[in-house]
C-alpha atoms as a PDB file:
ATOM      1  CA  UNK A   1      -3.845  -8.257  23.875  1.00  0.00           C
ATOM      2  CA  UNK A   2      -5.030  -8.028  20.182  1.00  0.00           C
ATOM      3  CA  UNK A   3      -8.078  -4.794  19.894  1.00  0.00           C
ATOM      4  CA  UNK A   4      -9.698  -6.519  16.751  1.00  0.00           C
ATOM      5  CA  UNK A   5     -11.651 -10.041  16.486  1.00  0.00           C
ATOM      6  CA  UNK A   6     -10.624  -9.723  12.613  1.00  0.00           C
ATOM      7  CA  UNK A   7      -8.624  -7.359  10.643  1.00  0.00           C
ATOM      8  CA  UNK A   8      -8.411  -7.289   7.355  1.00  0.00           C
ATOM      9  CA  UNK A   9      -5.811  -6.285   4.172  1.00  0.00           C
ATOM     10  CA  UNK A  10      -6.330  -2.400   3.501  1.00  0.00           C
ATOM     11  CA  UNK A  11      -4.584  -1.075  -0.237  1.00  0.00           C
ATOM     12  CA  UNK A  12      -4.355   2.402  -0.981  1.00  0.00           C
ATOM     13  CA  UNK A  13      -2.634   2.605  -4.843  1.00  0.00           C
ATOM     14  CA  UNK A  14      -3.495   4.650  -7.797  1.00  0.00           C
ATOM     15  CA  UNK A  15      -1.740   7.851  -8.966  1.00  0.00           C
ATOM     16  CA  UNK A  16      -3.805  10.524  -7.437  1.00  0.00           C
ATOM     17  CA  UNK A  17      -2.354  12.145  -3.874  1.00  0.00           C
ATOM     18  CA  UNK A  18      -3.281  10.824  -0.295  1.00  0.00           C
ATOM     19  CA  UNK A  19      -2.317   6.873  -0.550  1.00  0.00           C
ATOM     20  CA  UNK A  20       0.677   8.106   3.124  1.00  0.00           C
ATOM     21  CA  UNK A  21      -1.859  10.723   3.674  1.00  0.00           C
ATOM     22  CA  UNK A  22      -5.274   8.345   4.330  1.00  0.00           C
ATOM     23  CA  UNK A  23      -3.028   5.390   5.727  1.00  0.00           C
ATOM     24  CA  UNK A  24      -1.640   8.183   8.553  1.00  0.00           C
ATOM     25  CA  UNK A  25      -5.820   8.922   9.177  1.00  0.00           C
ATOM     26  CA  UNK A  26      -6.304   5.294   9.312  1.00  0.00           C
ATOM     27  CA  UNK A  27      -3.248   5.020  12.312  1.00  0.00           C
ATOM     28  CA  UNK A  28      -4.473   8.580  14.053  1.00  0.00           C
ATOM     29  CA  UNK A  29      -7.791   6.878  14.137  1.00  0.00           C
ATOM     30  CA  UNK A  30      -7.177   3.675  15.150  1.00  0.00           C
ATOM     31  CA  UNK A  31      -4.563   5.208  18.778  1.00  0.00           C
ATOM     32  CA  UNK A  32      -7.342   7.753  19.461  1.00  0.00           C
ATOM     33  CA  UNK A  33      -9.348   4.560  20.537  1.00  0.00           C
ATOM     34  CA  UNK A  34      -6.229   2.901  21.655  1.00  0.00           C
ATOM     35  CA  UNK A  35      -4.827   0.282  19.319  1.00  0.00           C
ATOM     36  CA  UNK A  36      -1.250  -0.069  18.375  1.00  0.00           C
ATOM     37  CA  UNK A  37      -0.059   1.039  15.467  1.00  0.00           C
ATOM     38  CA  UNK A  38       3.968   0.147  13.797  1.00  0.00           C
ATOM     39  CA  UNK A  39       4.247   2.230  10.326  1.00  0.00           C
ATOM     40  CA  UNK A  40       7.037   0.661   8.345  1.00  0.00           C
ATOM     41  CA  UNK A  41       8.161   3.483   5.909  1.00  0.00           C
ATOM     42  CA  UNK A  42       9.735   1.995   1.776  1.00  0.00           C
ATOM     43  CA  UNK A  43      11.488   4.228   0.345  1.00  0.00           C
ATOM     44  CA  UNK A  44      11.195   7.240   2.786  1.00  0.00           C
ATOM     45  CA  UNK A  45      14.414   7.339   4.894  1.00  0.00           C
ATOM     46  CA  UNK A  46      17.029  10.267   4.842  1.00  0.00           C
ATOM     47  CA  UNK A  47      13.446  12.930   4.366  1.00  0.00           C
ATOM     48  CA  UNK A  48      11.641  15.483   5.446  1.00  0.00           C
ATOM     49  CA  UNK A  49       8.062  14.487   5.965  1.00  0.00           C
ATOM     50  CA  UNK A  50       6.831  16.260   8.825  1.00  0.00           C
ATOM     51  CA  UNK A  51       5.110  13.051  10.015  1.00  0.00           C
ATOM     52  CA  UNK A  52       8.740  12.447  11.679  1.00  0.00           C
ATOM     53  CA  UNK A  53       8.192  15.280  14.248  1.00  0.00           C
ATOM     54  CA  UNK A  54       4.997  14.177  15.280  1.00  0.00           C
ATOM     55  CA  UNK A  55       5.359   9.937  15.845  1.00  0.00           C
ATOM     56  CA  UNK A  56       6.832  10.499  18.829  1.00  0.00           C
ATOM     57  CA  UNK A  57       4.167  12.657  20.200  1.00  0.00           C
ATOM     58  CA  UNK A  58       1.494   9.376  19.618  1.00  0.00           C
ATOM     59  CA  UNK A  59       1.151   7.207  22.377  1.00  0.00           C
ATOM     60  CA  UNK A  60       1.339   3.023  20.371  1.00  0.00           C
ATOM     61  CA  UNK A  61       2.294   4.453  17.113  1.00  0.00           C
ATOM     62  CA  UNK A  62       6.098   3.301  16.052  1.00  0.00           C
ATOM     63  CA  UNK A  63       6.925   4.249  12.929  1.00  0.00           C
ATOM     64  CA  UNK A  64      10.414   3.133  10.708  1.00  0.00           C
ATOM     65  CA  UNK A  65      11.633   4.799   8.109  1.00  0.00           C
ATOM     66  CA  UNK A  66      14.140   2.606   4.740  1.00  0.00           C
ATOM     67  CA  UNK A  67      16.450   4.447   2.197  1.00  0.00           C
ATOM     68  CA  UNK A  68      18.763   7.051   1.628  1.00  0.00           C
ATOM     69  CA  UNK A  69      16.813  10.032   1.217  1.00  0.00           C
ATOM     70  CA  UNK A  70      16.993   9.223  -2.285  1.00  0.00           C
ATOM     71  CA  UNK A  71      13.608   9.552  -5.177  1.00  0.00           C
ATOM     72  CA  UNK A  72      14.972   5.803  -6.617  1.00  0.00           C
ATOM     73  CA  UNK A  73      14.395   6.024 -10.360  1.00  0.00           C
ATOM     74  CA  UNK A  74      17.276   3.600 -11.556  1.00  0.00           C
ATOM     75  CA  UNK A  75      16.153  -0.110 -13.207  1.00  0.00           C
ATOM     76  CA  UNK A  76      17.538  -2.087 -12.250  1.00  0.00           C
ATOM     77  CA  UNK A  77      17.632  -0.118  -8.600  1.00  0.00           C
ATOM     78  CA  UNK A  78      20.522   0.086  -6.896  1.00  0.00           C
ATOM     79  CA  UNK A  79      22.443  -2.388  -4.806  1.00  0.00           C
ATOM     80  CA  UNK A  80      21.948  -0.180  -1.337  1.00  0.00           C
ATOM     81  CA  UNK A  81      18.535   0.558  -2.707  1.00  0.00           C
ATOM     82  CA  UNK A  82      17.103  -2.400  -2.600  1.00  0.00           C
ATOM     83  CA  UNK A  83      19.299  -3.467   1.167  1.00  0.00           C
ATOM     84  CA  UNK A  84      17.185  -0.847   3.197  1.00  0.00           C
ATOM     85  CA  UNK A  85      13.798  -2.394   1.274  1.00  0.00           C
ATOM     86  CA  UNK A  86      14.624  -5.798   2.101  1.00  0.00           C
ATOM     87  CA  UNK A  87      15.859  -4.449   5.511  1.00  0.00           C
ATOM     88  CA  UNK A  88      11.838  -2.956   5.533  1.00  0.00           C
ATOM     89  CA  UNK A  89      10.065  -5.984   4.362  1.00  0.00           C
ATOM     90  CA  UNK A  90      11.844  -7.929   7.250  1.00  0.00           C
ATOM     91  CA  UNK A  91      11.342  -6.234   9.480  1.00  0.00           C
ATOM     92  CA  UNK A  92       7.490  -6.139   8.530  1.00  0.00           C
ATOM     93  CA  UNK A  93       7.598 -10.043   8.512  1.00  0.00           C
ATOM     94  CA  UNK A  94       8.819  -9.724  11.804  1.00  0.00           C
ATOM     95  CA  UNK A  95       6.240  -6.598  13.359  1.00  0.00           C
ATOM     96  CA  UNK A  96       3.340  -8.738  11.090  1.00  0.00           C
ATOM     97  CA  UNK A  97       3.744 -12.096  12.439  1.00  0.00           C
ATOM     98  CA  UNK A  98       4.224 -11.498  16.048  1.00  0.00           C
ATOM     99  CA  UNK A  99       0.601 -10.292  16.354  1.00  0.00           C
ATOM    100  CA  UNK A 100       1.410  -7.401  18.824  1.00  0.00           C
ATOM    101  CA  UNK A 101       0.422  -5.002  16.502  1.00  0.00           C
ATOM    102  CA  UNK A 102      -3.447  -3.977  15.595  1.00  0.00           C
ATOM    103  CA  UNK A 103      -2.497  -2.859  13.076  1.00  0.00           C
ATOM    104  CA  UNK A 104       0.379  -2.517  10.110  1.00  0.00           C
ATOM    105  CA  UNK A 105       1.146  -0.095   7.985  1.00  0.00           C
ATOM    106  CA  UNK A 106       3.855  -0.524   4.451  1.00  0.00           C
ATOM    107  CA  UNK A 107       4.570   2.692   3.409  1.00  0.00           C
ATOM    108  CA  UNK A 108       5.119   2.519  -0.112  1.00  0.00           C
ATOM    109  CA  UNK A 109       5.117  -0.785  -0.672  1.00  0.00           C
ATOM    110  CA  UNK A 110       4.022  -0.734  -3.333  1.00  0.00           C
ATOM    111  CA  UNK A 111       5.963   1.289  -5.605  1.00  0.00           C
ATOM    112  CA  UNK A 112       9.306  -0.654  -3.830  1.00  0.00           C
ATOM    113  CA  UNK A 113       7.736  -3.911  -5.459  1.00  0.00           C
ATOM    114  CA  UNK A 114       7.249  -1.808  -8.803  1.00  0.00           C
ATOM    115  CA  UNK A 115      11.054  -0.577  -8.997  1.00  0.00           C
ATOM    116  CA  UNK A 116      11.702  -4.738  -8.194  1.00  0.00           C
ATOM    117  CA  UNK A 117      13.585  -3.763  -4.411  1.00  0.00           C
ATOM    118  CA  UNK A 118      11.732  -6.093  -2.853  1.00  0.00           C
ATOM    119  CA  UNK A 119       9.920  -9.658  -4.774  1.00  0.00           C
ATOM    120  CA  UNK A 120       6.350  -9.990  -4.579  1.00  0.00           C
ATOM    121  CA  UNK A 121       5.794 -13.175  -3.906  1.00  0.00           C
ATOM    122  CA  UNK A 122       7.247 -12.484  -0.116  1.00  0.00           C
ATOM    123  CA  UNK A 123       4.539  -9.769   0.449  1.00  0.00           C
ATOM    124  CA  UNK A 124       2.285 -12.310  -1.253  1.00  0.00           C
ATOM    125  CA  UNK A 125       2.765 -14.797   1.258  1.00  0.00           C
ATOM    126  CA  UNK A 126       3.755 -12.294   3.961  1.00  0.00           C
ATOM    127  CA  UNK A 127      -0.640 -11.381   3.617  1.00  0.00           C
ATOM    128  CA  UNK A 128      -1.658 -15.192   4.055  1.00  0.00           C
ATOM    129  CA  UNK A 129       0.885 -15.107   7.208  1.00  0.00           C
ATOM    130  CA  UNK A 130      -0.802 -12.205   8.700  1.00  0.00           C
ATOM    131  CA  UNK A 131      -2.486 -13.322  11.899  1.00  0.00           C
ATOM    132  CA  UNK A 132      -6.355 -13.389  12.157  1.00  0.00           C
ATOM    133  CA  UNK A 133      -6.985 -10.167  14.409  1.00  0.00           C
ATOM    134  CA  UNK A 134      -4.361  -7.672  12.042  1.00  0.00           C
ATOM    135  CA  UNK A 135      -4.511  -5.340  10.431  1.00  0.00           C
ATOM    136  CA  UNK A 136      -2.726  -5.004   7.268  1.00  0.00           C
ATOM    137  CA  UNK A 137      -2.185  -2.235   4.936  1.00  0.00           C
ATOM    138  CA  UNK A 138       0.140  -1.224   1.770  1.00  0.00           C
ATOM    139  CA  UNK A 139       0.236   1.610  -0.273  1.00  0.00           C
ATOM    140  CA  UNK A 140       1.457   3.506  -2.404  1.00  0.00           C
ATOM    141  CA  UNK A 141       0.574   3.204  -6.433  1.00  0.00           C
ATOM    142  CA  UNK A 142       1.715   0.584  -9.003  1.00  0.00           C
ATOM    143  CA  UNK A 143       0.195  -2.409  -6.631  1.00  0.00           C
ATOM    144  CA  UNK A 144       0.663  -5.542  -8.592  1.00  0.00           C
ATOM    145  CA  UNK A 145      -3.362  -7.506  -9.350  1.00  0.00           C
ATOM    146  CA  UNK A 146      -1.529 -10.157  -7.365  1.00  0.00           C
ATOM    147  CA  UNK A 147      -2.050  -7.999  -4.582  1.00  0.00           C
ATOM    148  CA  UNK A 148      -4.531  -6.490  -4.885  1.00  0.00           C
ATOM    149  CA  UNK A 149      -6.685  -9.858  -5.613  1.00  0.00           C
ATOM    150  CA  UNK A 150      -5.741 -10.813  -1.979  1.00  0.00           C
ATOM    151  CA  UNK A 151      -6.802  -7.588  -0.637  1.00  0.00           C
ATOM    152  CA  UNK A 152      -9.892  -7.772   1.343  1.00  0.00           C
ATOM    153  CA  UNK A 153     -10.678  -3.557   0.873  1.00  0.00           C
ATOM    154  CA  UNK A 154      -8.553  -1.899  -2.509  1.00  0.00           C
ATOM    155  CA  UNK A 155      -9.138   2.496  -2.704  1.00  0.00           C
ATOM    156  CA  UNK A 156      -7.330   3.438  -5.531  1.00  0.00           C
ATOM    157  CA  UNK A 157      -6.783   6.921  -5.936  1.00  0.00           C
ATOM    158  CA  UNK A 158      -6.619   8.804  -9.312  1.00  0.00           C
ATOM    159  CA  UNK A 159      -5.751  12.736  -9.909  1.00  0.00           C
ATOM    160  CA  UNK A 160      -8.282  14.487 -11.670  1.00  0.00           C
ATOM    161  CA  UNK A 161      -6.461  17.389 -11.413  1.00  0.00           C
ATOM    162  CA  UNK A 162      -2.975  18.341  -9.081  1.00  0.00           C
ATOM    163  CA  UNK A 163      -1.360  21.999  -8.347  1.00  0.00           C
ATOM    164  CA  UNK A 164       1.680  20.526  -9.200  1.00  0.00           C
ATOM    165  CA  UNK A 165      -0.048  21.357 -13.063  1.00  0.00           C
ATOM    166  CA  UNK A 166       0.249  25.053 -13.290  1.00  0.00           C
ATOM    167  CA  UNK A 167       4.267  25.240 -11.593  1.00  0.00           C
ATOM    168  CA  UNK A 168       3.298  24.243  -7.471  1.00  0.00           C
ATOM    169  CA  UNK A 169       6.351  22.987  -5.245  1.00  0.00           C
ATOM    170  CA  UNK A 170       5.710  20.424  -2.869  1.00  0.00           C
ATOM    171  CA  UNK A 171       5.011  22.484   0.722  1.00  0.00           C
ATOM    172  CA  UNK A 172       5.795  22.109   3.943  1.00  0.00           C
ATOM    173  CA  UNK A 173       2.805  19.848   6.416  1.00  0.00           C
ATOM    174  CA  UNK A 174       0.573  19.661   2.944  1.00  0.00           C
ATOM    175  CA  UNK A 175       2.770  16.918   0.647  1.00  0.00           C
ATOM    176  CA  UNK A 176       5.482  16.082   3.477  1.00  0.00           C
END
């Protein structure tokens, strides 16, 4: 039985820090209210992210990460990276269309689109096919205009200042 009467499409994009963090904050708030959340991480599989250590301990939260533990920067991308992204998108289509989850988060999907790992048209179709009660959240830099136009809420994180510019390294529990 869906708990949301009407779900919207949210996009967290931009060059600033905090897109995935915002999505995970939303997930935590939602499961605190008894909503079911499914998070699909594009291009994050194989990495040692802190959220992987807690997800099994939280009720109503499922997370599946896809990728090979390597940052994807090649254009055109390697076949294996395309395969992982295709698997993630196929799962996303199944989970969203099932209507079983109140919130579905597609973490870093915009980056996968920008790297041409998956086709924008398929994500557009997924948004259009979303059941009314499902909240769909898409994160990552470089959100395409087609996605932004379909979204109900778009937040752009803008970097004003970042400690990396002073030589700080990524920290466990903060950046990953």
